[in-house]
Amino acid sequence: MRRSQLATITTEIESVAQLPPLAEPVAKLRCLRGIETLSAVSITAEVCDFRRFRGAPSFMAFTGLVPSEHSSGPSVHRGSITKTGNAHVRRVLVEAAWSYRHRPAIGINLRRRSQGQPPEVLAYAWAAQCRLHSRFHSIAATKNRNVAVVAVARELSGFIWGLMTDHVEVT
């Protein structure tokens, strides 16, 4: 019973995601590894207008994926993430970040999800995949894997902000 209800709701969400105003942002977000239709719809619905954030750091702060800081004079002590932002977006981003522990690749599903997108969006998504994979492994070599995933989720939020505000220059 519950499985059929879940399947029905998932089908409804997927059909709504193909209609304006969700169609374009959802299609772009689905080019990123770890983000399928439900995640893309969740991010788009929670954020609404990405242009309200002046830059990627302000979007990262909105998600609560920035480190807390306790400073006094010249001493600076950074702690765990603040968790003061949007908990739902943060959870979606952390779930998506787990996929970056795998080697960069464009599998069948990602290729299918990326069809019809401009080459600059695809290049940006590939650059994000390479950078985030590298970032995960460099942090996981010295720290806990959960810490590495949260750091990757923070950077993923920056890539999402860039993608959704057409800052897709690949350097």
Protein backbone atom coordinates (compact mmCIF):
# COMPACT_ATOMS: atom_id res chain seq x y z
CA MET A 1 0.00 0.00 0.00
CA ARG A 2 2.67 2.53 1.07
CA ARG A 3 4.93 1.57 -1.83
CA SER A 4 2.16 2.24 -4.35
CA GLN A 5 1.43 5.61 -2.71
CA LEU A 6 5.13 6.49 -2.85
CA ALA A 7 5.30 5.46 -6.51
CA THR A 8 2.23 7.59 -7.30
CA ILE A 9 3.64 10.65 -5.53
CA THR A 10 7.03 10.19 -7.22
CA THR A 11 5.35 10.00 -10.63
CA GLU A 12 3.37 13.17 -9.89
CA ILE A 13 6.51 15.04 -8.80
CA GLU A 14 8.37 13.92 -11.93
CA SER A 15 5.54 15.09 -14.18
CA VAL A 16 5.26 18.48 -12.42
CA ALA A 17 9.04 18.90 -12.67
CA GLN A 18 8.74 18.93 -16.47
CA LEU A 19 6.44 21.97 -16.46
CA PRO A 20 7.40 25.65 -16.13
CA PRO A 21 8.67 27.20 -13.90
CA LEU A 22 10.42 24.07 -12.54
CA ALA A 23 11.51 22.50 -15.83
CA GLU A 24 14.63 24.58 -16.56
CA PRO A 25 16.20 24.70 -13.07
CA VAL A 26 15.44 21.04 -12.41
CA ALA A 27 16.98 20.01 -15.74
CA LYS A 28 20.16 21.97 -14.93
CA LEU A 29 20.46 20.57 -11.42
CA ARG A 30 20.02 17.02 -12.68
CA CYS A 31 23.30 17.40 -14.61
CA LEU A 32 25.12 17.27 -11.28
CA ARG A 33 26.09 13.91 -9.87
CA GLY A 34 23.94 12.81 -6.95
CA ILE A 35 20.99 15.04 -7.82
CA GLU A 36 17.96 13.37 -9.36
CA THR A 37 14.50 14.82 -9.94
CA LEU A 38 13.25 14.75 -6.34
CA SER A 39 16.42 16.38 -5.00
CA ALA A 40 16.36 19.01 -7.75
CA VAL A 41 12.70 19.82 -7.10
CA SER A 42 13.37 20.04 -3.34
CA ILE A 43 16.28 22.44 -3.80
CA THR A 44 14.40 24.56 -6.34
CA ALA A 45 11.25 24.74 -4.22
CA GLU A 46 13.09 25.58 -0.99
CA VAL A 47 15.32 28.27 -2.51
CA CYS A 48 12.96 29.75 -5.13
CA ASP A 49 15.20 32.54 -6.40
CA PHE A 50 18.96 31.90 -6.34
CA ARG A 51 19.66 35.48 -7.38
CA ARG A 52 18.71 36.72 -3.92
CA PHE A 53 22.13 35.51 -2.78
CA ARG A 54 24.96 37.90 -3.66
CA GLY A 55 27.44 35.10 -4.01
CA ALA A 56 28.13 31.44 -3.36
CA PRO A 57 29.25 32.08 0.26
CA SER A 58 25.88 33.63 1.13
CA PHE A 59 24.09 30.62 -0.40
CA MET A 60 26.37 28.31 1.60
CA ALA A 61 25.39 30.23 4.73
CA PHE A 62 21.71 29.81 3.79
CA THR A 63 22.24 26.05 3.80
CA GLY A 64 24.00 26.15 7.18
CA LEU A 65 27.07 24.41 5.74
CA VAL A 66 29.58 27.05 6.88
CA PRO A 67 31.85 26.52 9.88
CA SER A 68 31.03 28.18 13.17
CA GLU A 69 33.63 30.61 14.45
CA HIS A 70 34.66 31.74 17.91
CA SER A 71 37.06 34.65 17.62
CA SER A 72 38.53 37.07 20.07
CA GLY A 73 41.22 39.50 19.03
CA PRO A 74 43.83 37.76 16.92
CA SER A 75 42.73 34.21 17.81
CA VAL A 76 40.32 32.46 15.45
CA HIS A 77 38.74 29.11 16.29
CA ARG A 78 36.53 27.41 13.73
CA GLY A 79 34.17 24.66 14.79
CA SER A 80 31.56 22.42 13.24
CA ILE A 81 28.97 23.67 10.75
CA THR A 82 26.48 26.22 12.01
CA LYS A 83 23.28 24.32 11.10
CA THR A 84 21.44 27.64 11.22
CA GLY A 85 20.24 27.53 7.63
CA ASN A 86 17.66 25.53 5.74
CA ALA A 87 17.79 22.00 7.19
CA HIS A 88 15.98 20.38 4.27
CA VAL A 89 18.35 21.75 1.62
CA ARG A 90 21.31 20.87 3.84
CA ARG A 91 20.13 17.26 4.14
CA VAL A 92 19.60 16.97 0.37
CA LEU A 93 23.07 18.38 -0.31
CA VAL A 94 24.77 16.06 2.18
CA GLU A 95 22.98 13.06 0.65
CA ALA A 96 24.10 14.14 -2.83
CA ALA A 97 27.66 14.73 -1.62
CA TRP A 98 28.10 11.04 -0.80
CA SER A 99 28.12 10.25 -4.53
CA TYR A 100 31.36 12.20 -4.97
CA ARG A 101 33.37 9.55 -3.15
CA HIS A 102 33.30 7.58 -6.42
CA ARG A 103 35.64 8.23 -9.35
CA PRO A 104 34.41 10.91 -11.78
CA ALA A 105 32.40 9.30 -14.56
CA ILE A 106 29.37 9.96 -16.71
CA GLY A 107 27.24 6.87 -16.44
CA ILE A 108 24.15 5.95 -18.40
CA ASN A 109 21.72 7.65 -15.98
CA LEU A 110 23.72 10.88 -15.75
CA ARG A 111 24.10 10.99 -19.53
CA ARG A 112 20.34 10.52 -19.93
CA ARG A 113 19.58 13.23 -17.35
CA SER A 114 21.99 15.64 -19.05
CA GLN A 115 20.55 15.36 -22.56
CA GLY A 116 19.59 18.64 -24.15
CA GLN A 117 21.65 20.83 -21.82
CA PRO A 118 24.09 23.43 -23.19
CA PRO A 119 27.75 22.38 -23.45
CA GLU A 120 28.83 24.96 -20.87
CA VAL A 121 26.44 23.46 -18.30
CA LEU A 122 27.81 19.97 -19.01
CA ALA A 123 31.41 21.22 -18.74
CA TYR A 124 30.58 22.93 -15.45
CA ALA A 125 28.96 19.77 -14.07
CA TRP A 126 32.02 17.74 -15.10
CA ALA A 127 34.37 20.26 -13.45
CA ALA A 128 32.24 20.05 -10.29
CA GLN A 129 32.41 16.27 -10.33
CA CYS A 130 36.21 16.23 -10.70
CA ARG A 131 36.79 18.90 -8.04
CA LEU A 132 34.38 17.44 -5.49
CA HIS A 133 35.76 13.91 -5.89
CA SER A 134 39.28 15.23 -5.36
CA ARG A 135 38.14 17.30 -2.38
CA PHE A 136 36.43 14.32 -0.75
CA HIS A 137 39.51 12.13 -0.99
CA SER A 138 41.95 14.81 0.15
CA ILE A 139 39.89 15.49 3.29
CA ALA A 140 38.97 11.83 3.94
CA ALA A 141 42.69 10.96 3.96
CA THR A 142 43.17 12.91 7.19
CA LYS A 143 39.71 13.27 8.74
CA ASN A 144 36.49 11.37 9.25
CA ARG A 145 34.53 10.57 6.07
CA ASN A 146 31.47 12.37 7.46
CA VAL A 147 33.52 15.56 7.82
CA ALA A 148 34.69 15.12 4.23
CA VAL A 149 31.11 14.69 2.99
CA VAL A 150 29.93 17.85 4.76
CA ALA A 151 32.85 19.80 3.24
CA VAL A 152 31.93 18.44 -0.20
CA ALA A 153 28.27 19.37 0.39
CA ARG A 154 29.38 22.93 1.17
CA GLU A 155 31.33 23.15 -2.08
CA LEU A 156 28.48 21.47 -3.95
CA SER A 157 26.20 24.26 -2.74
CA GLY A 158 28.63 26.74 -4.28
CA PHE A 159 28.53 24.88 -7.59
CA ILE A 160 24.73 24.83 -7.43
CA TRP A 161 24.62 28.58 -6.85
CA GLY A 162 26.92 29.11 -9.85
CA LEU A 163 24.84 26.83 -12.04
CA MET A 164 21.54 28.43 -11.08
CA THR A 165 22.82 32.00 -11.54
CA ASP A 166 24.57 31.28 -14.86
CA HIS A 167 28.08 31.62 -13.41
CA VAL A 168 29.24 28.51 -15.26
CA GLU A 169 32.74 29.57 -16.25
CA VAL A 170 35.11 26.62 -16.02
CA THR A 171 38.60 27.61 -14.93
